[in-house]
């Protein structure tokens, strides 16, 4: 994505690969593979619906991931639901919302 937009990707590729690897290794032990993949994929796809720049996607996806995780934890405590499923549901709702926002912007 970054290469297609003209951003030099050498250092970015290395940093993103290392950070992603560390997050996946640590998260697999804590929350499982389904939640780990949802936390990585959903926010990125959501951000790509609205932002076109590499920097915008990265900043939005990281912020959205933290916000959905916090919201999912709070809602799961209040509603007595499983934490992992509630976080994935929050990410799915955010994906739908960002899809609507992306259509409205276009």
PDB file of N, CA and C in Angstrom:
ATOM      1  N   UNK A   1       0.832  -1.182   0.000  1.00  0.00           N
ATOM      2  CA  UNK A   1       0.000   0.000   0.000  1.00  0.00           C
ATOM      3  C   UNK A   1       0.881   1.251   0.000  1.00  0.00           C
ATOM      4  N   UNK A   2       1.866   1.266   0.893  1.00  0.00           N
ATOM      5  CA  UNK A   2       2.748   2.431   0.989  1.00  0.00           C
ATOM      6  C   UNK A   2       3.571   2.592  -0.285  1.00  0.00           C
ATOM      7  N   UNK A   3       4.043   1.509  -0.831  1.00  0.00           N
ATOM      8  CA  UNK A   3       4.841   1.570  -2.057  1.00  0.00           C
ATOM      9  C   UNK A   3       4.014   2.113  -3.218  1.00  0.00           C
ATOM     10  N   UNK A   4       2.759   1.714  -3.276  1.00  0.00           N
ATOM     11  CA  UNK A   4       1.894   2.180  -4.363  1.00  0.00           C
ATOM     12  C   UNK A   4       1.600   3.676  -4.253  1.00  0.00           C
ATOM     13  N   UNK A   5       1.635   4.224  -3.046  1.00  0.00           N
ATOM     14  CA  UNK A   5       1.373   5.649  -2.865  1.00  0.00           C
ATOM     15  C   UNK A   5       2.636   6.485  -2.944  1.00  0.00           C
ATOM     16  N   UNK A   6       3.804   5.844  -3.154  1.00  0.00           N
ATOM     17  CA  UNK A   6       5.039   6.584  -3.341  1.00  0.00           C
ATOM     18  C   UNK A   6       5.869   6.786  -2.087  1.00  0.00           C
ATOM     19  N   UNK A   7       5.465   6.211  -0.970  1.00  0.00           N
ATOM     20  CA  UNK A   7       6.220   6.330   0.277  1.00  0.00           C
ATOM     21  C   UNK A   7       7.373   5.330   0.268  1.00  0.00           C
ATOM     22  N   UNK A   8       8.590   5.762   0.665  1.00  0.00           N
ATOM     23  CA  UNK A   8       9.695   4.805   0.754  1.00  0.00           C
ATOM     24  C   UNK A   8       9.376   3.761   1.832  1.00  0.00           C
ATOM     25  N   UNK A   9       9.493   2.478   1.492  1.00  0.00           N
ATOM     26  CA  UNK A   9       8.982   1.439   2.384  1.00  0.00           C
ATOM     27  C   UNK A   9      10.037   0.604   3.095  1.00  0.00           C
ATOM     28  N   UNK A  10      11.304   0.851   2.862  1.00  0.00           N
ATOM     29  CA  UNK A  10      12.347   0.011   3.447  1.00  0.00           C
ATOM     30  C   UNK A  10      12.279  -0.081   4.961  1.00  0.00           C
ATOM     31  N   UNK A  11      12.348   1.048   5.638  1.00  0.00           N
ATOM     32  CA  UNK A  11      12.339   1.065   7.100  1.00  0.00           C
ATOM     33  C   UNK A  11      10.952   0.726   7.627  1.00  0.00           C
ATOM     34  N   UNK A  12       9.918   1.222   6.965  1.00  0.00           N
ATOM     35  CA  UNK A  12       8.553   0.942   7.399  1.00  0.00           C
ATOM     36  C   UNK A  12       8.256  -0.555   7.383  1.00  0.00           C
ATOM     37  N   UNK A  13       8.698  -1.252   6.343  1.00  0.00           N
ATOM     38  CA  UNK A  13       8.461  -2.687   6.247  1.00  0.00           C
ATOM     39  C   UNK A  13       9.090  -3.425   7.426  1.00  0.00           C
ATOM     40  N   UNK A  14      10.303  -3.070   7.751  1.00  0.00           N
ATOM     41  CA  UNK A  14      10.997  -3.725   8.850  1.00  0.00           C
ATOM     42  C   UNK A  14      10.313  -3.445  10.182  1.00  0.00           C
ATOM     43  N   UNK A  15       9.966  -2.201  10.438  1.00  0.00           N
ATOM     44  CA  UNK A  15       9.322  -1.835  11.704  1.00  0.00           C
ATOM     45  C   UNK A  15       7.957  -2.511  11.837  1.00  0.00           C
ATOM     46  N   UNK A  16       7.168  -2.467  10.780  1.00  0.00           N
ATOM     47  CA  UNK A  16       5.848  -3.084  10.829  1.00  0.00           C
ATOM     48  C   UNK A  16       5.962  -4.591  11.015  1.00  0.00           C
ATOM     49  N   UNK A  17       6.900  -5.235  10.345  1.00  0.00           N
ATOM     50  CA  UNK A  17       7.078  -6.681  10.481  1.00  0.00           C
ATOM     51  C   UNK A  17       7.490  -7.068  11.895  1.00  0.00           C
ATOM     52  N   UNK A  18       8.419  -6.328  12.479  1.00  0.00           N
ATOM     53  CA  UNK A  18       8.883  -6.640  13.832  1.00  0.00           C
ATOM     54  C   UNK A  18       7.781  -6.399  14.857  1.00  0.00           C
ATOM     55  N   UNK A  19       7.100  -5.271  14.753  1.00  0.00           N
ATOM     56  CA  UNK A  19       6.022  -4.968  15.704  1.00  0.00           C
ATOM     57  C   UNK A  19       4.892  -5.977  15.570  1.00  0.00           C
ATOM     58  N   UNK A  20       4.527  -6.325  14.356  1.00  0.00           N
ATOM     59  CA  UNK A  20       3.468  -7.308  14.140  1.00  0.00           C
ATOM     60  C   UNK A  20       3.855  -8.665  14.707  1.00  0.00           C
ATOM     61  N   UNK A  21       5.073  -9.079  14.486  1.00  0.00           N
ATOM     62  CA  UNK A  21       5.532 -10.367  15.014  1.00  0.00           C
ATOM     63  C   UNK A  21       5.499 -10.388  16.532  1.00  0.00           C
ATOM     64  N   UNK A  22       5.956  -9.329  17.157  1.00  0.00           N
ATOM     65  CA  UNK A  22       5.951  -9.271  18.624  1.00  0.00           C
ATOM     66  C   UNK A  22       4.525  -9.284  19.165  1.00  0.00           C
ATOM     67  N   UNK A  23       3.648  -8.508  18.554  1.00  0.00           N
ATOM     68  CA  UNK A  23       2.256  -8.462  19.003  1.00  0.00           C
ATOM     69  C   UNK A  23       1.597  -9.826  18.854  1.00  0.00           C
ATOM     70  N   UNK A  24       1.810 -10.490  17.728  1.00  0.00           N
ATOM     71  CA  UNK A  24       1.189 -11.795  17.510  1.00  0.00           C
ATOM     72  C   UNK A  24       1.702 -12.824  18.502  1.00  0.00           C
ATOM     73  N   UNK A  25       2.993 -12.869  18.725  1.00  0.00           N
ATOM     74  CA  UNK A  25       3.554 -13.845  19.653  1.00  0.00           C
ATOM     75  C   UNK A  25       3.032 -13.620  21.065  1.00  0.00           C
ATOM     76  N   UNK A  26       2.996 -12.365  21.508  1.00  0.00           N
ATOM     77  CA  UNK A  26       2.508 -12.083  22.857  1.00  0.00           C
ATOM     78  C   UNK A  26       1.004 -12.285  22.971  1.00  0.00           C
ATOM     79  N   UNK A  27       0.263 -11.897  21.961  1.00  0.00           N
ATOM     80  CA  UNK A  27      -1.192 -11.975  22.030  1.00  0.00           C
ATOM     81  C   UNK A  27      -1.704 -13.404  21.920  1.00  0.00           C
ATOM     82  N   UNK A  28      -1.018 -14.257  21.182  1.00  0.00           N
ATOM     83  CA  UNK A  28      -1.476 -15.642  21.027  1.00  0.00           C
ATOM     84  C   UNK A  28      -1.587 -16.337  22.382  1.00  0.00           C
ATOM     85  N   UNK A  29      -0.639 -16.081  23.249  1.00  0.00           N
ATOM     86  CA  UNK A  29      -0.676 -16.699  24.564  1.00  0.00           C
ATOM     87  C   UNK A  29      -1.758 -16.095  25.447  1.00  0.00           C
ATOM     88  N   UNK A  30      -2.061 -14.824  25.247  1.00  0.00           N
ATOM     89  CA  UNK A  30      -3.011 -14.147  26.124  1.00  0.00           C
ATOM     90  C   UNK A  30      -4.461 -14.322  25.693  1.00  0.00           C
ATOM     91  N   UNK A  31      -4.754 -14.148  24.415  1.00  0.00           N
ATOM     92  CA  UNK A  31      -6.155 -14.081  24.006  1.00  0.00           C
ATOM     93  C   UNK A  31      -6.551 -15.083  22.931  1.00  0.00           C
ATOM     94  N   UNK A  32      -5.650 -15.789  22.327  1.00  0.00           N
ATOM     95  CA  UNK A  32      -6.009 -16.779  21.325  1.00  0.00           C
ATOM     96  C   UNK A  32      -5.894 -16.253  19.912  1.00  0.00           C
ATOM     97  N   UNK A  33      -5.956 -17.173  18.971  1.00  0.00           N
ATOM     98  CA  UNK A  33      -5.705 -16.817  17.572  1.00  0.00           C
ATOM     99  C   UNK A  33      -6.858 -16.060  16.928  1.00  0.00           C
ATOM    100  N   UNK A  34      -8.106 -16.366  17.269  1.00  0.00           N
ATOM    101  CA  UNK A  34      -9.237 -15.668  16.651  1.00  0.00           C
ATOM    102  C   UNK A  34      -9.229 -14.190  17.007  1.00  0.00           C
ATOM    103  N   UNK A  35      -9.071 -13.893  18.277  1.00  0.00           N
ATOM    104  CA  UNK A  35      -9.057 -12.502  18.706  1.00  0.00           C
ATOM    105  C   UNK A  35      -7.825 -11.774  18.183  1.00  0.00           C
ATOM    106  N   UNK A  36      -6.696 -12.441  18.144  1.00  0.00           N
ATOM    107  CA  UNK A  36      -5.481 -11.818  17.632  1.00  0.00           C
ATOM    108  C   UNK A  36      -5.647 -11.414  16.165  1.00  0.00           C
ATOM    109  N   UNK A  37      -6.185 -12.300  15.354  1.00  0.00           N
ATOM    110  CA  UNK A  37      -6.371 -11.960  13.944  1.00  0.00           C
ATOM    111  C   UNK A  37      -7.413 -10.862  13.779  1.00  0.00           C
ATOM    112  N   UNK A  38      -8.454 -10.868  14.601  1.00  0.00           N
ATOM    113  CA  UNK A  38      -9.467  -9.812  14.520  1.00  0.00           C
ATOM    114  C   UNK A  38      -8.896  -8.460  14.922  1.00  0.00           C
ATOM    115  N   UNK A  39      -8.030  -8.445  15.924  1.00  0.00           N
ATOM    116  CA  UNK A  39      -7.432  -7.193  16.368  1.00  0.00           C
ATOM    117  C   UNK A  39      -6.461  -6.619  15.344  1.00  0.00           C
ATOM    118  N   UNK A  40      -5.919  -7.456  14.500  1.00  0.00           N
ATOM    119  CA  UNK A  40      -4.977  -6.975  13.489  1.00  0.00           C
ATOM    120  C   UNK A  40      -5.694  -6.619  12.192  1.00  0.00           C
ATOM    121  N   UNK A  41      -6.654  -7.426  11.776  1.00  0.00           N
ATOM    122  CA  UNK A  41      -7.276  -7.264  10.468  1.00  0.00           C
ATOM    123  C   UNK A  41      -8.389  -6.221  10.454  1.00  0.00           C
ATOM    124  N   UNK A  42      -9.336  -6.310  11.392  1.00  0.00           N
ATOM    125  CA  UNK A  42     -10.499  -5.415  11.370  1.00  0.00           C
ATOM    126  C   UNK A  42     -10.135  -3.929  11.407  1.00  0.00           C
ATOM    127  N   UNK A  43      -9.297  -3.474  12.340  1.00  0.00           N
ATOM    128  CA  UNK A  43      -8.986  -2.037  12.368  1.00  0.00           C
ATOM    129  C   UNK A  43      -8.297  -1.547  11.089  1.00  0.00           C
ATOM    130  N   UNK A  44      -7.431  -2.368  10.520  1.00  0.00           N
ATOM    131  CA  UNK A  44      -6.744  -1.960   9.297  1.00  0.00           C
ATOM    132  C   UNK A  44      -7.719  -1.835   8.133  1.00  0.00           C
ATOM    133  N   UNK A  45      -8.598  -2.810   7.984  1.00  0.00           N
ATOM    134  CA  UNK A  45      -9.588  -2.735   6.913  1.00  0.00           C
ATOM    135  C   UNK A  45     -10.533  -1.550   7.113  1.00  0.00           C
ATOM    136  N   UNK A  46     -10.891  -1.294   8.362  1.00  0.00           N
ATOM    137  CA  UNK A  46     -11.770  -0.156   8.651  1.00  0.00           C
ATOM    138  C   UNK A  46     -11.101   1.157   8.276  1.00  0.00           C
ATOM    139  N   UNK A  47      -9.844   1.316   8.661  1.00  0.00           N
ATOM    140  CA  UNK A  47      -9.119   2.555   8.371  1.00  0.00           C
ATOM    141  C   UNK A  47      -8.918   2.744   6.875  1.00  0.00           C
ATOM    142  N   UNK A  48      -8.717   1.654   6.151  1.00  0.00           N
ATOM    143  CA  UNK A  48      -8.509   1.753   4.706  1.00  0.00           C
ATOM    144  C   UNK A  48      -9.773   2.178   3.967  1.00  0.00           C
ATOM    145  N   UNK A  49     -10.929   2.046   4.611  1.00  0.00           N
ATOM    146  CA  UNK A  49     -12.181   2.497   3.993  1.00  0.00           C
ATOM    147  C   UNK A  49     -12.267   4.015   3.937  1.00  0.00           C
ATOM    148  N   UNK A  50     -11.593   4.697   4.877  1.00  0.00           N
ATOM    149  CA  UNK A  50     -11.709   6.148   4.989  1.00  0.00           C
ATOM    150  C   UNK A  50     -10.437   6.854   4.538  1.00  0.00           C
ATOM    151  N   UNK A  51      -9.280   6.367   4.976  1.00  0.00           N
ATOM    152  CA  UNK A  51      -8.008   7.038   4.698  1.00  0.00           C
ATOM    153  C   UNK A  51      -7.310   6.408   3.509  1.00  0.00           C
ATOM    154  N   UNK A  52      -6.603   7.236   2.746  1.00  0.00           N
ATOM    155  CA  UNK A  52      -5.872   6.757   1.573  1.00  0.00           C
ATOM    156  C   UNK A  52      -4.361   6.766   1.794  1.00  0.00           C
ATOM    157  N   UNK A  53      -3.875   7.546   2.747  1.00  0.00           N
ATOM    158  CA  UNK A  53      -2.433   7.603   2.990  1.00  0.00           C
ATOM    159  C   UNK A  53      -2.014   6.507   3.963  1.00  0.00           C
ATOM    160  N   UNK A  54      -0.778   6.074   3.823  1.00  0.00           N
ATOM    161  CA  UNK A  54      -0.226   5.033   4.693  1.00  0.00           C
ATOM    162  C   UNK A  54      -0.239   5.492   6.150  1.00  0.00           C
ATOM    163  N   UNK A  55       0.192   6.708   6.369  1.00  0.00           N
ATOM    164  CA  UNK A  55       0.253   7.254   7.726  1.00  0.00           C
ATOM    165  C   UNK A  55      -1.138   7.341   8.345  1.00  0.00           C
ATOM    166  N   UNK A  56      -2.120   7.806   7.584  1.00  0.00           N
ATOM    167  CA  UNK A  56      -3.490   7.901   8.079  1.00  0.00           C
ATOM    168  C   UNK A  56      -4.057   6.552   8.452  1.00  0.00           C
ATOM    169  N   UNK A  57      -3.781   5.542   7.619  1.00  0.00           N
ATOM    170  CA  UNK A  57      -4.273   4.191   7.896  1.00  0.00           C
ATOM    171  C   UNK A  57      -3.636   3.645   9.158  1.00  0.00           C
ATOM    172  N   UNK A  58      -2.335   3.804   9.309  1.00  0.00           N
ATOM    173  CA  UNK A  58      -1.640   3.270  10.487  1.00  0.00           C
ATOM    174  C   UNK A  58      -2.123   3.956  11.759  1.00  0.00           C
ATOM    175  N   UNK A  59      -2.212   5.269  11.744  1.00  0.00           N
ATOM    176  CA  UNK A  59      -2.653   5.995  12.944  1.00  0.00           C
ATOM    177  C   UNK A  59      -4.103   5.681  13.293  1.00  0.00           C
ATOM    178  N   UNK A  60      -4.963   5.655  12.297  1.00  0.00           N
ATOM    179  CA  UNK A  60      -6.373   5.361  12.544  1.00  0.00           C
ATOM    180  C   UNK A  60      -6.554   3.923  13.016  1.00  0.00           C
ATOM    181  N   UNK A  61      -5.865   2.980  12.388  1.00  0.00           N
ATOM    182  CA  UNK A  61      -6.009   1.569  12.758  1.00  0.00           C
ATOM    183  C   UNK A  61      -5.528   1.307  14.183  1.00  0.00           C
ATOM    184  N   UNK A  62      -4.420   1.913  14.573  1.00  0.00           N
ATOM    185  CA  UNK A  62      -3.928   1.692  15.933  1.00  0.00           C
ATOM    186  C   UNK A  62      -4.849   2.319  16.965  1.00  0.00           C
ATOM    187  N   UNK A  63      -5.348   3.505  16.680  1.00  0.00           N
ATOM    188  CA  UNK A  63      -6.284   4.157  17.590  1.00  0.00           C
ATOM    189  C   UNK A  63      -7.588   3.378  17.668  1.00  0.00           C
ATOM    190  N   UNK A  64      -8.080   2.942  16.532  1.00  0.00           N
ATOM    191  CA  UNK A  64      -9.331   2.184  16.493  1.00  0.00           C
ATOM    192  C   UNK A  64      -9.198   0.848  17.219  1.00  0.00           C
ATOM    193  N   UNK A  65      -8.063   0.194  17.078  1.00  0.00           N
ATOM    194  CA  UNK A  65      -7.844  -1.079  17.749  1.00  0.00           C
ATOM    195  C   UNK A  65      -7.896  -0.935  19.263  1.00  0.00           C
ATOM    196  N   UNK A  66      -7.232   0.090  19.773  1.00  0.00           N
ATOM    197  CA  UNK A  66      -7.232   0.326  21.219  1.00  0.00           C
ATOM    198  C   UNK A  66      -8.631   0.709  21.702  1.00  0.00           C
ATOM    199  N   UNK A  67      -9.317   1.559  20.935  1.00  0.00           N
ATOM    200  CA  UNK A  67     -10.659   1.991  21.324  1.00  0.00           C
ATOM    201  C   UNK A  67     -11.647   0.823  21.332  1.00  0.00           C
ATOM    202  N   UNK A  68     -11.593  -0.021  20.311  1.00  0.00           N
ATOM    203  CA  UNK A  68     -12.501  -1.175  20.260  1.00  0.00           C
ATOM    204  C   UNK A  68     -12.191  -2.186  21.356  1.00  0.00           C
ATOM    205  N   UNK A  69     -10.915  -2.374  21.658  1.00  0.00           N
ATOM    206  CA  UNK A  69     -10.560  -3.293  22.746  1.00  0.00           C
ATOM    207  C   UNK A  69     -11.068  -2.763  24.082  1.00  0.00           C
ATOM    208  N   UNK A  70     -10.878  -1.478  24.342  1.00  0.00           N
ATOM    209  CA  UNK A  70     -11.355  -0.890  25.598  1.00  0.00           C
ATOM    210  C   UNK A  70     -12.879  -0.942  25.676  1.00  0.00           C
ATOM    211  N   UNK A  71     -13.543  -0.587  24.584  1.00  0.00           N
ATOM    212  CA  UNK A  71     -15.003  -0.632  24.554  1.00  0.00           C
ATOM    213  C   UNK A  71     -15.503  -2.063  24.739  1.00  0.00           C
ATOM    214  N   UNK A  72     -14.872  -3.007  24.084  1.00  0.00           N
ATOM    215  CA  UNK A  72     -15.271  -4.410  24.228  1.00  0.00           C
ATOM    216  C   UNK A  72     -15.110  -4.923  25.634  1.00  0.00           C
ATOM    217  N   UNK A  73     -14.032  -4.528  26.301  1.00  0.00           N
ATOM    218  CA  UNK A  73     -13.817  -4.961  27.688  1.00  0.00           C
ATOM    219  C   UNK A  73     -14.875  -4.363  28.599  1.00  0.00           C
ATOM    220  N   UNK A  74     -15.150  -3.082  28.443  1.00  0.00           N
ATOM    221  CA  UNK A  74     -16.156  -2.420  29.287  1.00  0.00           C
ATOM    222  C   UNK A  74     -17.538  -3.021  29.063  1.00  0.00           C
ATOM    223  N   UNK A  75     -17.916  -3.196  27.802  1.00  0.00           N
ATOM    224  CA  UNK A  75     -19.233  -3.761  27.496  1.00  0.00           C
ATOM    225  C   UNK A  75     -19.335  -5.193  28.000  1.00  0.00           C
ATOM    226  N   UNK A  76     -18.272  -5.968  27.884  1.00  0.00           N
ATOM    227  CA  UNK A  76     -18.322  -7.352  28.357  1.00  0.00           C
ATOM    228  C   UNK A  76     -18.475  -7.425  29.872  1.00  0.00           C
ATOM    229  N   UNK A  77     -17.880  -6.476  30.575  1.00  0.00           N
ATOM    230  CA  UNK A  77     -18.042  -6.448  32.036  1.00  0.00           C
ATOM    231  C   UNK A  77     -19.470  -6.060  32.401  1.00  0.00           C
ATOM    232  N   UNK A  78     -19.995  -5.042  31.716  1.00  0.00           N
ATOM    233  CA  UNK A  78     -21.350  -4.579  32.026  1.00  0.00           C
ATOM    234  C   UNK A  78     -22.427  -5.574  31.603  1.00  0.00           C
ATOM    235  N   UNK A  79     -22.222  -6.261  30.481  1.00  0.00           N
ATOM    236  CA  UNK A  79     -23.242  -7.163  29.949  1.00  0.00           C
ATOM    237  C   UNK A  79     -22.987  -8.628  30.297  1.00  0.00           C
ATOM    238  N   UNK A  80     -21.892  -8.906  30.993  1.00  0.00           N
ATOM    239  CA  UNK A  80     -21.521 -10.283  31.370  1.00  0.00           C
ATOM    240  C   UNK A  80     -21.422 -11.190  30.144  1.00  0.00           C
ATOM    241  N   UNK A  81     -20.724 -10.723  29.142  1.00  0.00           N
ATOM    242  CA  UNK A  81     -20.495 -11.505  27.932  1.00  0.00           C
ATOM    243  C   UNK A  81     -19.016 -11.859  27.834  1.00  0.00           C
ATOM    244  N   UNK A  82     -18.654 -12.821  26.987  1.00  0.00           N
ATOM    245  CA  UNK A  82     -17.233 -13.158  26.814  1.00  0.00           C
ATOM    246  C   UNK A  82     -16.446 -11.970  26.237  1.00  0.00           C
ATOM    247  N   UNK A  83     -15.292 -11.727  26.785  1.00  0.00           N
ATOM    248  CA  UNK A  83     -14.495 -10.564  26.396  1.00  0.00           C
ATOM    249  C   UNK A  83     -14.073 -10.632  24.933  1.00  0.00           C
ATOM    250  N   UNK A  84     -13.543 -11.767  24.497  1.00  0.00           N
ATOM    251  CA  UNK A  84     -13.050 -11.896  23.130  1.00  0.00           C
ATOM    252  C   UNK A  84     -14.133 -11.650  22.101  1.00  0.00           C
ATOM    253  N   UNK A  85     -15.274 -12.271  22.300  1.00  0.00           N
ATOM    254  CA  UNK A  85     -16.371 -12.103  21.342  1.00  0.00           C
ATOM    255  C   UNK A  85     -16.889 -10.669  21.330  1.00  0.00           C
ATOM    256  N   UNK A  86     -16.903 -10.022  22.475  1.00  0.00           N
ATOM    257  CA  UNK A  86     -17.386  -8.641  22.546  1.00  0.00           C
ATOM    258  C   UNK A  86     -16.421  -7.689  21.843  1.00  0.00           C
ATOM    259  N   UNK A  87     -15.129  -7.919  21.968  1.00  0.00           N
ATOM    260  CA  UNK A  87     -14.147  -7.089  21.268  1.00  0.00           C
ATOM    261  C   UNK A  87     -14.261  -7.275  19.758  1.00  0.00           C
ATOM    262  N   UNK A  88     -14.434  -8.510  19.314  1.00  0.00           N
ATOM    263  CA  UNK A  88     -14.602  -8.770  17.883  1.00  0.00           C
ATOM    264  C   UNK A  88     -15.875  -8.113  17.371  1.00  0.00           C
ATOM    265  N   UNK A  89     -16.952  -8.140  18.163  1.00  0.00           N
ATOM    266  CA  UNK A  89     -18.200  -7.487  17.775  1.00  0.00           C
ATOM    267  C   UNK A  89     -18.011  -5.976  17.669  1.00  0.00           C
ATOM    268  N   UNK A  90     -17.284  -5.389  18.609  1.00  0.00           N
ATOM    269  CA  UNK A  90     -17.001  -3.948  18.549  1.00  0.00           C
ATOM    270  C   UNK A  90     -16.202  -3.609  17.296  1.00  0.00           C
ATOM    271  N   UNK A  91     -15.241  -4.450  16.939  1.00  0.00           N
ATOM    272  CA  UNK A  91     -14.462  -4.237  15.716  1.00  0.00           C
ATOM    273  C   UNK A  91     -15.335  -4.374  14.471  1.00  0.00           C
ATOM    274  N   UNK A  92     -16.249  -5.331  14.471  1.00  0.00           N
ATOM    275  CA  UNK A  92     -17.136  -5.516  13.322  1.00  0.00           C
ATOM    276  C   UNK A  92     -18.073  -4.322  13.159  1.00  0.00           C
ATOM    277  N   UNK A  93     -18.587  -3.805  14.263  1.00  0.00           N
ATOM    278  CA  UNK A  93     -19.457  -2.621  14.203  1.00  0.00           C
ATOM    279  C   UNK A  93     -18.669  -1.418  13.702  1.00  0.00           C
ATOM    280  N   UNK A  94     -17.428  -1.267  14.161  1.00  0.00           N
ATOM    281  CA  UNK A  94     -16.583  -0.167  13.680  1.00  0.00           C
ATOM    282  C   UNK A  94     -16.309  -0.310  12.185  1.00  0.00           C
ATOM    283  N   UNK A  95     -16.100  -1.541  11.722  1.00  0.00           N
ATOM    284  CA  UNK A  95     -15.872  -1.779  10.291  1.00  0.00           C
ATOM    285  C   UNK A  95     -17.089  -1.339   9.476  1.00  0.00           C
ATOM    286  N   UNK A  96     -18.271  -1.694   9.936  1.00  0.00           N
ATOM    287  CA  UNK A  96     -19.490  -1.284   9.238  1.00  0.00           C
ATOM    288  C   UNK A  96     -19.647   0.242   9.250  1.00  0.00           C
ATOM    289  N   UNK A  97     -19.369   0.857  10.396  1.00  0.00           N
ATOM    290  CA  UNK A  97     -19.475   2.317  10.507  1.00  0.00           C
ATOM    291  C   UNK A  97     -18.477   3.014   9.589  1.00  0.00           C
ATOM    292  N   UNK A  98     -17.250   2.532   9.547  1.00  0.00           N
ATOM    293  CA  UNK A  98     -16.240   3.139   8.680  1.00  0.00           C
ATOM    294  C   UNK A  98     -16.572   2.906   7.211  1.00  0.00           C
ATOM    295  N   UNK A  99     -17.220   1.780   6.905  1.00  0.00           N
ATOM    296  CA  UNK A  99     -17.670   1.551   5.537  1.00  0.00           C
ATOM    297  C   UNK A  99     -18.694   2.581   5.109  1.00  0.00           C
ATOM    298  N   UNK A 100     -19.630   2.893   6.006  1.00  0.00           N
ATOM    299  CA  UNK A 100     -20.632   3.916   5.715  1.00  0.00           C
ATOM    300  C   UNK A 100     -20.002   5.301   5.595  1.00  0.00           C
ATOM    301  N   UNK A 101     -19.053   5.583   6.471  1.00  0.00           N
ATOM    302  CA  UNK A 101     -18.349   6.882   6.407  1.00  0.00           C
ATOM    303  C   UNK A 101     -17.561   6.981   5.104  1.00  0.00           C
ATOM    304  N   UNK A 102     -16.906   5.895   4.704  1.00  0.00           N
ATOM    305  CA  UNK A 102     -16.148   5.892   3.459  1.00  0.00           C
ATOM    306  C   UNK A 102     -17.027   6.133   2.248  1.00  0.00           C
ATOM    307  N   UNK A 103     -18.205   5.551   2.243  1.00  0.00           N
ATOM    308  CA  UNK A 103     -19.143   5.783   1.133  1.00  0.00           C
ATOM    309  C   UNK A 103     -19.633   7.215   1.121  1.00  0.00           C
ATOM    310  N   UNK A 104     -19.899   7.764   2.315  1.00  0.00           N
ATOM    311  CA  UNK A 104     -20.381   9.146   2.401  1.00  0.00           C
ATOM    312  C   UNK A 104     -19.313  10.129   1.921  1.00  0.00           C
ATOM    313  N   UNK A 105     -18.043   9.829   2.217  1.00  0.00           N
ATOM    314  CA  UNK A 105     -16.950  10.722   1.806  1.00  0.00           C
ATOM    315  C   UNK A 105     -16.777  10.675   0.292  1.00  0.00           C
ATOM    316  N   UNK A 106     -16.907   9.487  -0.297  1.00  0.00           N
ATOM    317  CA  UNK A 106     -16.757   9.361  -1.757  1.00  0.00           C
ATOM    318  C   UNK A 106     -17.969   9.930  -2.417  1.00  0.00           C
TER     319      UNK A 106
END
